[in-house]
Amino acid sequence: IIIVFGYPNITVEEELLNLLKYDTKNDWTYRQSQWKIRNHIDCYIKESKQLEEQCKKLNIKFVDTSKNRQQVLNELLSWLNDKLS
């Protein structure tokens, strides 16, 4: 089973707020400039969009964690249980 995670349906600002909300001293984002973090997020979002497109073409499970992450992960667990049963 192959599962690809991404967040293609979130804005850079929304994801920046998520990162900063949980940022700790141990995170790579700690003490980084917001410009640098925004640049990384923008690249990740673009990459996520490409991955989502490729997964659809190849019939690979893509999990969009842009919104309602906990709910999405719970649904994934149910999907996995069904696949493994």
N, C-alpha and C. Protein backbone atom coordinates (compact mmCIF):
# COMPACT_ATOMS: atom_id res chain seq x y z
N ILE A 1 0.87 -1.18 0.00
CA ILE A 1 0.00 0.00 0.00
C ILE A 1 0.90 1.23 0.00
N ILE A 2 0.64 2.11 -0.94
CA ILE A 2 1.38 3.37 -1.03
C ILE A 2 0.42 4.50 -0.68
N ILE A 3 0.86 5.35 0.22
CA ILE A 3 0.05 6.51 0.61
C ILE A 3 0.95 7.75 0.53
N VAL A 4 0.46 8.76 -0.15
CA VAL A 4 1.21 10.02 -0.30
C VAL A 4 0.43 11.11 0.43
N PHE A 5 1.13 11.89 1.23
CA PHE A 5 0.52 12.98 1.97
C PHE A 5 0.92 14.32 1.37
N GLY A 6 0.02 15.27 1.42
CA GLY A 6 0.33 16.60 0.94
C GLY A 6 -0.73 17.59 1.38
N TYR A 7 -0.45 18.85 1.12
CA TYR A 7 -1.44 19.89 1.44
C TYR A 7 -1.55 20.87 0.28
N PRO A 8 -2.24 20.42 -0.78
CA PRO A 8 -2.36 21.26 -1.96
C PRO A 8 -3.44 22.34 -1.87
N ASN A 9 -4.29 22.27 -0.87
CA ASN A 9 -5.44 23.18 -0.79
C ASN A 9 -5.39 24.08 0.43
N ILE A 10 -4.22 24.66 0.64
CA ILE A 10 -4.04 25.60 1.75
C ILE A 10 -3.21 26.77 1.22
N THR A 11 -3.38 27.92 1.79
CA THR A 11 -2.57 29.06 1.36
C THR A 11 -1.26 29.08 2.16
N VAL A 12 -0.32 29.81 1.66
CA VAL A 12 0.96 29.95 2.36
C VAL A 12 0.73 30.57 3.73
N GLU A 13 -0.13 31.58 3.80
CA GLU A 13 -0.40 32.24 5.08
C GLU A 13 -1.06 31.31 6.09
N GLU A 14 -2.01 30.48 5.63
CA GLU A 14 -2.67 29.54 6.54
C GLU A 14 -1.66 28.54 7.10
N GLU A 15 -0.80 28.03 6.24
CA GLU A 15 0.18 27.05 6.72
C GLU A 15 1.24 27.70 7.60
N LEU A 16 1.61 28.92 7.29
CA LEU A 16 2.55 29.64 8.14
C LEU A 16 1.99 29.79 9.55
N LEU A 17 0.72 30.16 9.65
CA LEU A 17 0.09 30.29 10.97
C LEU A 17 0.08 28.95 11.71
N ASN A 18 -0.19 27.86 10.98
CA ASN A 18 -0.15 26.52 11.60
C ASN A 18 1.24 26.20 12.13
N LEU A 19 2.24 26.47 11.33
CA LEU A 19 3.62 26.19 11.75
C LEU A 19 4.01 27.01 12.97
N LEU A 20 3.74 28.28 12.92
CA LEU A 20 4.14 29.15 14.02
C LEU A 20 3.38 28.83 15.30
N LYS A 21 2.18 28.35 15.16
CA LYS A 21 1.36 28.00 16.33
C LYS A 21 2.02 26.89 17.15
N TYR A 22 2.67 25.95 16.47
CA TYR A 22 3.26 24.79 17.15
C TYR A 22 4.79 24.80 17.13
N ASP A 23 5.38 25.89 16.74
CA ASP A 23 6.83 25.98 16.61
C ASP A 23 7.51 25.83 17.97
N THR A 24 8.52 24.98 18.02
CA THR A 24 9.32 24.81 19.25
C THR A 24 10.80 24.98 18.92
N LYS A 25 11.62 25.02 19.94
CA LYS A 25 13.06 25.17 19.75
C LYS A 25 13.67 24.04 18.91
N ASN A 26 13.01 22.89 18.90
CA ASN A 26 13.53 21.73 18.17
C ASN A 26 13.14 21.70 16.70
N ASP A 27 12.28 22.60 16.28
CA ASP A 27 11.81 22.61 14.89
C ASP A 27 12.77 23.39 14.00
N TRP A 28 12.86 22.96 12.75
CA TRP A 28 13.75 23.66 11.80
C TRP A 28 13.29 25.09 11.56
N THR A 29 12.03 25.36 11.80
CA THR A 29 11.48 26.70 11.55
C THR A 29 11.84 27.70 12.65
N TYR A 30 12.27 27.18 13.79
CA TYR A 30 12.58 28.04 14.93
C TYR A 30 13.69 29.02 14.55
N ARG A 31 13.45 30.28 14.76
CA ARG A 31 14.40 31.37 14.49
C ARG A 31 14.73 31.54 13.00
N GLN A 32 13.91 30.98 12.13
CA GLN A 32 14.07 31.22 10.70
C GLN A 32 13.26 32.46 10.34
N SER A 33 13.67 33.13 9.31
CA SER A 33 12.91 34.30 8.88
C SER A 33 11.58 33.83 8.28
N GLN A 34 10.56 34.65 8.44
CA GLN A 34 9.26 34.30 7.86
C GLN A 34 9.35 34.23 6.34
N TRP A 35 10.22 35.02 5.74
CA TRP A 35 10.41 34.95 4.29
C TRP A 35 10.89 33.56 3.88
N LYS A 36 11.88 33.04 4.60
CA LYS A 36 12.43 31.71 4.29
C LYS A 36 11.37 30.63 4.49
N ILE A 37 10.62 30.72 5.57
CA ILE A 37 9.57 29.74 5.84
C ILE A 37 8.48 29.82 4.78
N ARG A 38 8.07 31.01 4.42
CA ARG A 38 7.04 31.18 3.36
C ARG A 38 7.51 30.57 2.04
N ASN A 39 8.78 30.77 1.73
CA ASN A 39 9.34 30.23 0.50
C ASN A 39 9.27 28.69 0.51
N HIS A 40 9.64 28.08 1.62
CA HIS A 40 9.55 26.62 1.75
C HIS A 40 8.10 26.15 1.61
N ILE A 41 7.20 26.81 2.31
CA ILE A 41 5.79 26.43 2.26
C ILE A 41 5.26 26.52 0.84
N ASP A 42 5.59 27.59 0.15
CA ASP A 42 5.13 27.76 -1.23
C ASP A 42 5.62 26.60 -2.09
N CYS A 43 6.87 26.21 -1.93
CA CYS A 43 7.41 25.06 -2.68
C CYS A 43 6.67 23.78 -2.32
N TYR A 44 6.40 23.56 -1.04
CA TYR A 44 5.70 22.34 -0.61
C TYR A 44 4.29 22.28 -1.17
N ILE A 45 3.61 23.42 -1.19
CA ILE A 45 2.24 23.45 -1.73
C ILE A 45 2.26 23.12 -3.22
N LYS A 46 3.18 23.73 -3.96
CA LYS A 46 3.30 23.44 -5.39
C LYS A 46 3.62 21.97 -5.63
N GLU A 47 4.53 21.43 -4.84
CA GLU A 47 4.89 20.02 -4.96
C GLU A 47 3.70 19.13 -4.62
N SER A 48 2.94 19.50 -3.60
CA SER A 48 1.75 18.74 -3.22
C SER A 48 0.74 18.68 -4.35
N LYS A 49 0.57 19.79 -5.05
CA LYS A 49 -0.37 19.83 -6.18
C LYS A 49 0.09 18.88 -7.29
N GLN A 50 1.39 18.87 -7.55
CA GLN A 50 1.92 17.96 -8.56
C GLN A 50 1.77 16.49 -8.12
N LEU A 51 2.07 16.23 -6.86
CA LEU A 51 1.93 14.87 -6.34
C LEU A 51 0.49 14.38 -6.42
N GLU A 52 -0.44 15.26 -6.05
CA GLU A 52 -1.85 14.89 -6.10
C GLU A 52 -2.26 14.52 -7.53
N GLU A 53 -1.82 15.31 -8.48
CA GLU A 53 -2.12 15.05 -9.89
C GLU A 53 -1.55 13.70 -10.34
N GLN A 54 -0.30 13.46 -10.00
CA GLN A 54 0.36 12.21 -10.39
C GLN A 54 -0.29 11.01 -9.70
N CYS A 55 -0.66 11.15 -8.45
CA CYS A 55 -1.31 10.06 -7.73
C CYS A 55 -2.64 9.69 -8.38
N LYS A 56 -3.40 10.69 -8.80
CA LYS A 56 -4.67 10.42 -9.48
C LYS A 56 -4.43 9.64 -10.76
N LYS A 57 -3.43 10.04 -11.53
CA LYS A 57 -3.12 9.34 -12.78
C LYS A 57 -2.69 7.90 -12.55
N LEU A 58 -1.95 7.67 -11.46
CA LEU A 58 -1.39 6.35 -11.18
C LEU A 58 -2.24 5.52 -10.21
N ASN A 59 -3.38 6.08 -9.82
CA ASN A 59 -4.28 5.40 -8.87
C ASN A 59 -3.57 5.06 -7.55
N ILE A 60 -2.85 6.04 -7.03
CA ILE A 60 -2.16 5.93 -5.75
C ILE A 60 -2.92 6.78 -4.74
N LYS A 61 -3.06 6.27 -3.53
CA LYS A 61 -3.80 6.99 -2.48
C LYS A 61 -3.06 8.28 -2.11
N PHE A 62 -3.76 9.41 -2.28
CA PHE A 62 -3.23 10.71 -1.89
C PHE A 62 -4.10 11.24 -0.76
N VAL A 63 -3.46 11.65 0.33
CA VAL A 63 -4.18 12.16 1.49
C VAL A 63 -3.90 13.65 1.62
N ASP A 64 -4.95 14.44 1.46
CA ASP A 64 -4.86 15.89 1.55
C ASP A 64 -5.03 16.31 3.01
N THR A 65 -3.95 16.78 3.61
CA THR A 65 -4.00 17.21 5.01
C THR A 65 -4.09 18.74 5.15
N SER A 66 -4.58 19.40 4.09
CA SER A 66 -4.70 20.86 4.12
C SER A 66 -5.63 21.35 5.22
N LYS A 67 -6.74 20.68 5.40
CA LYS A 67 -7.76 21.09 6.37
C LYS A 67 -8.20 19.87 7.18
N ASN A 68 -8.70 20.09 8.36
CA ASN A 68 -9.25 19.01 9.20
C ASN A 68 -8.31 17.81 9.29
N ARG A 69 -7.06 18.07 9.57
CA ARG A 69 -6.02 17.03 9.56
C ARG A 69 -6.39 15.82 10.41
N GLN A 70 -6.87 16.05 11.61
CA GLN A 70 -7.18 14.93 12.49
C GLN A 70 -8.29 14.06 11.91
N GLN A 71 -9.33 14.69 11.40
CA GLN A 71 -10.43 13.96 10.78
C GLN A 71 -9.94 13.17 9.56
N VAL A 72 -9.12 13.80 8.75
CA VAL A 72 -8.58 13.15 7.55
C VAL A 72 -7.75 11.92 7.95
N LEU A 73 -6.93 12.06 8.98
CA LEU A 73 -6.10 10.93 9.42
C LEU A 73 -6.95 9.81 10.01
N ASN A 74 -8.01 10.17 10.72
CA ASN A 74 -8.92 9.14 11.24
C ASN A 74 -9.60 8.38 10.10
N GLU A 75 -10.01 9.12 9.07
CA GLU A 75 -10.62 8.47 7.89
C GLU A 75 -9.61 7.57 7.19
N LEU A 76 -8.36 7.99 7.15
CA LEU A 76 -7.31 7.17 6.55
C LEU A 76 -7.13 5.87 7.33
N LEU A 77 -7.17 5.95 8.64
CA LEU A 77 -7.05 4.73 9.46
C LEU A 77 -8.19 3.76 9.16
N SER A 78 -9.38 4.27 9.01
CA SER A 78 -10.52 3.41 8.65
C SER A 78 -10.31 2.79 7.28
N TRP A 79 -9.85 3.57 6.33
CA TRP A 79 -9.56 3.08 4.98
C TRP A 79 -8.51 1.98 5.02
N LEU A 80 -7.47 2.21 5.82
CA LEU A 80 -6.40 1.21 5.95
C LEU A 80 -6.92 -0.08 6.58
N ASN A 81 -7.73 0.05 7.61
CA ASN A 81 -8.32 -1.14 8.26
C ASN A 81 -9.13 -1.95 7.26
N ASP A 82 -9.89 -1.28 6.42
CA ASP A 82 -10.68 -1.97 5.40
C ASP A 82 -9.77 -2.67 4.40
N LYS A 83 -8.71 -2.01 3.99
CA LYS A 83 -7.78 -2.59 3.01
C LYS A 83 -7.04 -3.80 3.57
N LEU A 84 -6.74 -3.74 4.87
CA LEU A 84 -5.96 -4.81 5.48
C LEU A 84 -6.80 -5.95 6.03
N SER A 85 -8.13 -5.78 6.00
CA SER A 85 -9.01 -6.82 6.54
C SER A 85 -9.27 -7.91 5.51
